[in-house]
Amino acid sequence: MNTQKKCGCGRSPTGFCVGWHSLNDADYAKAKSDYEFEQYQKRAESLWFKDGSCTSGKSSA
């Protein structure tokens, strides 16, 4: 069984340790920004390209 440790530093975006406690402030800010952008992209893709199209929801082919 593979269990993750809870985050004690408060930097983890998931609540579980992802190693961000060892980053300096600049690297942490970059990691957080990158993570938030990836999450935004995932949400946008699921909204805009659901069922194959960003306009009609259906493929034109």
PDB file of N, CA and C in Angstrom:
ATOM      1  N   MET A   1       0.841  -1.177   0.000  1.00  0.00           N
ATOM      2  CA  MET A   1       0.000   0.000   0.000  1.00  0.00           C
ATOM      3  C   MET A   1       0.891   1.247   0.000  1.00  0.00           C
ATOM      4  N   ASN A   2       0.662   2.133  -0.933  1.00  0.00           N
ATOM      5  CA  ASN A   2       1.460   3.342  -1.083  1.00  0.00           C
ATOM      6  C   ASN A   2       0.641   4.531  -0.590  1.00  0.00           C
ATOM      7  N   THR A   3       1.005   5.072   0.569  1.00  0.00           N
ATOM      8  CA  THR A   3       0.271   6.206   1.115  1.00  0.00           C
ATOM      9  C   THR A   3       1.159   7.438   1.130  1.00  0.00           C
ATOM     10  N   GLN A   4       0.574   8.566   0.752  1.00  0.00           N
ATOM     11  CA  GLN A   4       1.306   9.826   0.776  1.00  0.00           C
ATOM     12  C   GLN A   4       1.204  10.439   2.158  1.00  0.00           C
ATOM     13  N   LYS A   5       2.222  11.187   2.530  1.00  0.00           N
ATOM     14  CA  LYS A   5       2.223  11.891   3.807  1.00  0.00           C
ATOM     15  C   LYS A   5       1.461  13.195   3.665  1.00  0.00           C
ATOM     16  N   LYS A   6       0.749  13.567   4.697  1.00  0.00           N
ATOM     17  CA  LYS A   6       0.062  14.862   4.726  1.00  0.00           C
ATOM     18  C   LYS A   6       1.111  15.966   4.721  1.00  0.00           C
ATOM     19  N   CYS A   7       0.766  17.082   4.128  1.00  0.00           N
ATOM     20  CA  CYS A   7       1.681  18.226   4.058  1.00  0.00           C
ATOM     21  C   CYS A   7       1.672  18.983   5.380  1.00  0.00           C
ATOM     22  N   GLY A   8       2.836  19.215   5.917  1.00  0.00           N
ATOM     23  CA  GLY A   8       2.946  19.968   7.154  1.00  0.00           C
ATOM     24  C   GLY A   8       3.396  21.402   6.950  1.00  0.00           C
ATOM     25  N   CYS A   9       3.918  21.710   5.765  1.00  0.00           N
ATOM     26  CA  CYS A   9       4.458  23.051   5.534  1.00  0.00           C
ATOM     27  C   CYS A   9       3.412  24.018   5.000  1.00  0.00           C
ATOM     28  N   GLY A  10       2.304  23.496   4.491  1.00  0.00           N
ATOM     29  CA  GLY A  10       1.249  24.357   3.969  1.00  0.00           C
ATOM     30  C   GLY A  10       1.443  24.808   2.537  1.00  0.00           C
ATOM     31  N   ARG A  11       2.459  24.314   1.871  1.00  0.00           N
ATOM     32  CA  ARG A  11       2.719  24.731   0.492  1.00  0.00           C
ATOM     33  C   ARG A  11       2.074  23.822  -0.551  1.00  0.00           C
ATOM     34  N   SER A  12       1.698  22.637  -0.172  1.00  0.00           N
ATOM     35  CA  SER A  12       1.171  21.666  -1.134  1.00  0.00           C
ATOM     36  C   SER A  12      -0.199  22.078  -1.664  1.00  0.00           C
ATOM     37  N   PRO A  13      -0.403  21.992  -2.974  1.00  0.00           N
ATOM     38  CA  PRO A  13      -1.708  22.319  -3.535  1.00  0.00           C
ATOM     39  C   PRO A  13      -2.723  21.196  -3.323  1.00  0.00           C
ATOM     40  N   THR A  14      -2.253  20.017  -2.943  1.00  0.00           N
ATOM     41  CA  THR A  14      -3.137  18.867  -2.799  1.00  0.00           C
ATOM     42  C   THR A  14      -3.401  18.488  -1.348  1.00  0.00           C
ATOM     43  N   GLY A  15      -2.624  19.035  -0.426  1.00  0.00           N
ATOM     44  CA  GLY A  15      -2.744  18.655   0.972  1.00  0.00           C
ATOM     45  C   GLY A  15      -1.816  17.521   1.359  1.00  0.00           C
ATOM     46  N   PHE A  16      -1.190  16.915   0.359  1.00  0.00           N
ATOM     47  CA  PHE A  16      -0.218  15.860   0.584  1.00  0.00           C
ATOM     48  C   PHE A  16       1.156  16.345   0.149  1.00  0.00           C
ATOM     49  N   CYS A  17       2.195  15.819   0.773  1.00  0.00           N
ATOM     50  CA  CYS A  17       3.552  16.272   0.498  1.00  0.00           C
ATOM     51  C   CYS A  17       3.935  16.037  -0.960  1.00  0.00           C
ATOM     52  N   VAL A  18       4.347  17.108  -1.630  1.00  0.00           N
ATOM     53  CA  VAL A  18       4.833  17.018  -3.010  1.00  0.00           C
ATOM     54  C   VAL A  18       6.258  17.554  -3.109  1.00  0.00           C
ATOM     55  N   GLY A  19       6.892  17.782  -1.954  1.00  0.00           N
ATOM     56  CA  GLY A  19       8.282  18.214  -1.929  1.00  0.00           C
ATOM     57  C   GLY A  19       8.504  19.697  -2.045  1.00  0.00           C
ATOM     58  N   TRP A  20       7.462  20.486  -2.050  1.00  0.00           N
ATOM     59  CA  TRP A  20       7.627  21.921  -2.222  1.00  0.00           C
ATOM     60  C   TRP A  20       8.205  22.588  -0.984  1.00  0.00           C
ATOM     61  N   HIS A  21       8.267  21.902   0.144  1.00  0.00           N
ATOM     62  CA  HIS A  21       8.833  22.471   1.365  1.00  0.00           C
ATOM     63  C   HIS A  21      10.307  22.815   1.189  1.00  0.00           C
ATOM     64  N   SER A  22      10.962  22.145   0.262  1.00  0.00           N
ATOM     65  CA  SER A  22      12.398  22.377   0.067  1.00  0.00           C
ATOM     66  C   SER A  22      12.699  23.493  -0.934  1.00  0.00           C
ATOM     67  N   LEU A  23      11.679  24.078  -1.545  1.00  0.00           N
ATOM     68  CA  LEU A  23      11.894  25.133  -2.544  1.00  0.00           C
ATOM     69  C   LEU A  23      12.080  26.494  -1.868  1.00  0.00           C
ATOM     70  N   ASN A  24      12.949  27.311  -2.477  1.00  0.00           N
ATOM     71  CA  ASN A  24      13.050  28.687  -1.985  1.00  0.00           C
ATOM     72  C   ASN A  24      11.804  29.450  -2.458  1.00  0.00           C
ATOM     73  N   ASP A  25      11.631  30.668  -2.005  1.00  0.00           N
ATOM     74  CA  ASP A  25      10.409  31.419  -2.296  1.00  0.00           C
ATOM     75  C   ASP A  25      10.164  31.608  -3.794  1.00  0.00           C
ATOM     76  N   ALA A  26      11.206  31.907  -4.552  1.00  0.00           N
ATOM     77  CA  ALA A  26      11.055  32.125  -5.996  1.00  0.00           C
ATOM     78  C   ALA A  26      10.661  30.826  -6.712  1.00  0.00           C
ATOM     79  N   ASP A  27      11.316  29.727  -6.352  1.00  0.00           N
ATOM     80  CA  ASP A  27      10.995  28.443  -6.982  1.00  0.00           C
ATOM     81  C   ASP A  27       9.600  27.966  -6.590  1.00  0.00           C
ATOM     82  N   TYR A  28       9.210  28.240  -5.337  1.00  0.00           N
ATOM     83  CA  TYR A  28       7.865  27.884  -4.893  1.00  0.00           C
ATOM     84  C   TYR A  28       6.814  28.669  -5.676  1.00  0.00           C
ATOM     85  N   ALA A  29       7.040  29.956  -5.858  1.00  0.00           N
ATOM     86  CA  ALA A  29       6.095  30.790  -6.608  1.00  0.00           C
ATOM     87  C   ALA A  29       5.948  30.271  -8.040  1.00  0.00           C
ATOM     88  N   LYS A  30       7.051  29.873  -8.655  1.00  0.00           N
ATOM     89  CA  LYS A  30       7.017  29.328 -10.026  1.00  0.00           C
ATOM     90  C   LYS A  30       6.271  27.998 -10.054  1.00  0.00           C
ATOM     91  N   ALA A  31       6.559  27.104  -9.107  1.00  0.00           N
ATOM     92  CA  ALA A  31       5.894  25.800  -9.059  1.00  0.00           C
ATOM     93  C   ALA A  31       4.393  25.973  -8.848  1.00  0.00           C
ATOM     94  N   LYS A  32       4.023  26.882  -7.973  1.00  0.00           N
ATOM     95  CA  LYS A  32       2.604  27.126  -7.696  1.00  0.00           C
ATOM     96  C   LYS A  32       1.909  27.688  -8.936  1.00  0.00           C
ATOM     97  N   SER A  33       2.553  28.645  -9.598  1.00  0.00           N
ATOM     98  CA  SER A  33       1.991  29.236 -10.810  1.00  0.00           C
ATOM     99  C   SER A  33       1.821  28.184 -11.905  1.00  0.00           C
ATOM    100  N   ASP A  34       2.843  27.355 -12.097  1.00  0.00           N
ATOM    101  CA  ASP A  34       2.774  26.294 -13.104  1.00  0.00           C
ATOM    102  C   ASP A  34       1.644  25.323 -12.802  1.00  0.00           C
ATOM    103  N   TYR A  35       1.513  24.926 -11.528  1.00  0.00           N
ATOM    104  CA  TYR A  35       0.460  23.998 -11.116  1.00  0.00           C
ATOM    105  C   TYR A  35      -0.919  24.604 -11.381  1.00  0.00           C
ATOM    106  N   GLU A  36      -1.107  25.865 -10.992  1.00  0.00           N
ATOM    107  CA  GLU A  36      -2.395  26.522 -11.183  1.00  0.00           C
ATOM    108  C   GLU A  36      -2.735  26.654 -12.669  1.00  0.00           C
ATOM    109  N   PHE A  37      -1.735  26.922 -13.505  1.00  0.00           N
ATOM    110  CA  PHE A  37      -1.964  27.015 -14.937  1.00  0.00           C
ATOM    111  C   PHE A  37      -2.356  25.662 -15.520  1.00  0.00           C
ATOM    112  N   GLU A  38      -1.694  24.595 -15.077  1.00  0.00           N
ATOM    113  CA  GLU A  38      -2.042  23.247 -15.544  1.00  0.00           C
ATOM    114  C   GLU A  38      -3.480  22.892 -15.159  1.00  0.00           C
ATOM    115  N   GLN A  39      -3.880  23.243 -13.953  1.00  0.00           N
ATOM    116  CA  GLN A  39      -5.248  22.977 -13.512  1.00  0.00           C
ATOM    117  C   GLN A  39      -6.245  23.780 -14.348  1.00  0.00           C
ATOM    118  N   TYR A  40      -5.923  25.028 -14.644  1.00  0.00           N
ATOM    119  CA  TYR A  40      -6.765  25.867 -15.492  1.00  0.00           C
ATOM    120  C   TYR A  40      -6.916  25.253 -16.882  1.00  0.00           C
ATOM    121  N   GLN A  41      -5.795  24.793 -17.451  1.00  0.00           N
ATOM    122  CA  GLN A  41      -5.854  24.175 -18.775  1.00  0.00           C
ATOM    123  C   GLN A  41      -6.744  22.941 -18.777  1.00  0.00           C
ATOM    124  N   LYS A  42      -6.634  22.106 -17.763  1.00  0.00           N
ATOM    125  CA  LYS A  42      -7.463  20.904 -17.679  1.00  0.00           C
ATOM    126  C   LYS A  42      -8.944  21.265 -17.621  1.00  0.00           C
ATOM    127  N   ARG A  43      -9.284  22.272 -16.812  1.00  0.00           N
ATOM    128  CA  ARG A  43     -10.686  22.685 -16.707  1.00  0.00           C
ATOM    129  C   ARG A  43     -11.168  23.266 -18.036  1.00  0.00           C
ATOM    130  N   ALA A  44     -10.342  24.095 -18.667  1.00  0.00           N
ATOM    131  CA  ALA A  44     -10.726  24.721 -19.934  1.00  0.00           C
ATOM    132  C   ALA A  44     -10.922  23.675 -21.025  1.00  0.00           C
ATOM    133  N   GLU A  45     -10.014  22.709 -21.107  1.00  0.00           N
ATOM    134  CA  GLU A  45     -10.136  21.666 -22.122  1.00  0.00           C
ATOM    135  C   GLU A  45     -11.404  20.851 -21.919  1.00  0.00           C
ATOM    136  N   SER A  46     -11.750  20.571 -20.673  1.00  0.00           N
ATOM    137  CA  SER A  46     -12.950  19.774 -20.434  1.00  0.00           C
ATOM    138  C   SER A  46     -14.215  20.559 -20.776  1.00  0.00           C
ATOM    139  N   LEU A  47     -14.158  21.875 -20.685  1.00  0.00           N
ATOM    140  CA  LEU A  47     -15.316  22.695 -21.034  1.00  0.00           C
ATOM    141  C   LEU A  47     -15.402  22.966 -22.534  1.00  0.00           C
ATOM    142  N   TRP A  48     -14.287  23.382 -23.120  1.00  0.00           N
ATOM    143  CA  TRP A  48     -14.299  23.823 -24.508  1.00  0.00           C
ATOM    144  C   TRP A  48     -14.291  22.696 -25.521  1.00  0.00           C
ATOM    145  N   PHE A  49     -13.634  21.603 -25.212  1.00  0.00           N
ATOM    146  CA  PHE A  49     -13.488  20.556 -26.211  1.00  0.00           C
ATOM    147  C   PHE A  49     -14.269  19.297 -25.880  1.00  0.00           C
ATOM    148  N   LYS A  50     -15.247  19.435 -25.027  1.00  0.00           N
ATOM    149  CA  LYS A  50     -16.115  18.309 -24.708  1.00  0.00           C
ATOM    150  C   LYS A  50     -16.858  17.895 -25.971  1.00  0.00           C
ATOM    151  N   ASP A  51     -16.880  16.638 -26.274  1.00  0.00           N
ATOM    152  CA  ASP A  51     -17.544  16.075 -27.456  1.00  0.00           C
ATOM    153  C   ASP A  51     -16.926  16.538 -28.773  1.00  0.00           C
ATOM    154  N   GLY A  52     -15.664  17.006 -28.741  1.00  0.00           N
ATOM    155  CA  GLY A  52     -14.943  17.230 -29.982  1.00  0.00           C
ATOM    156  C   GLY A  52     -14.919  18.626 -30.565  1.00  0.00           C
ATOM    157  N   SER A  53     -15.621  19.587 -30.004  1.00  0.00           N
ATOM    158  CA  SER A  53     -15.612  20.910 -30.593  1.00  0.00           C
ATOM    159  C   SER A  53     -15.781  21.981 -29.519  1.00  0.00           C
ATOM    160  N   CYS A  54     -15.196  23.142 -29.766  1.00  0.00           N
ATOM    161  CA  CYS A  54     -15.332  24.235 -28.817  1.00  0.00           C
ATOM    162  C   CYS A  54     -16.542  25.110 -29.133  1.00  0.00           C
ATOM    163  N   THR A  55     -17.215  24.846 -30.250  1.00  0.00           N
ATOM    164  CA  THR A  55     -18.345  25.701 -30.613  1.00  0.00           C
ATOM    165  C   THR A  55     -19.688  24.971 -30.556  1.00  0.00           C
ATOM    166  N   SER A  56     -19.762  23.818 -31.155  1.00  0.00           N
ATOM    167  CA  SER A  56     -21.059  23.146 -31.226  1.00  0.00           C
ATOM    168  C   SER A  56     -21.168  21.929 -30.329  1.00  0.00           C
ATOM    169  N   GLY A  57     -20.044  21.473 -29.823  1.00  0.00           N
ATOM    170  CA  GLY A  57     -20.079  20.262 -28.999  1.00  0.00           C
ATOM    171  C   GLY A  57     -20.058  18.994 -29.830  1.00  0.00           C
ATOM    172  N   LYS A  58     -20.065  19.120 -31.137  1.00  0.00           N
ATOM    173  CA  LYS A  58     -20.018  17.948 -32.004  1.00  0.00           C
ATOM    174  C   LYS A  58     -18.964  18.139 -33.075  1.00  0.00           C
ATOM    175  N   SER A  59     -18.370  17.053 -33.508  1.00  0.00           N
ATOM    176  CA  SER A  59     -17.370  17.115 -34.576  1.00  0.00           C
ATOM    177  C   SER A  59     -18.044  17.497 -35.883  1.00  0.00           C
ATOM    178  N   SER A  60     -17.328  18.230 -36.712  1.00  0.00           N
ATOM    179  CA  SER A  60     -17.875  18.648 -37.999  1.00  0.00           C
ATOM    180  C   SER A  60     -17.629  17.599 -39.072  1.00  0.00           C
ATOM    181  N   ALA A  61     -16.852  16.579 -38.760  1.00  0.00           N
ATOM    182  CA  ALA A  61     -16.527  15.554 -39.762  1.00  0.00           C
ATOM    183  C   ALA A  61     -17.644  14.605 -40.006  1.00  0.00           C
TER     184      ALA A  61
END
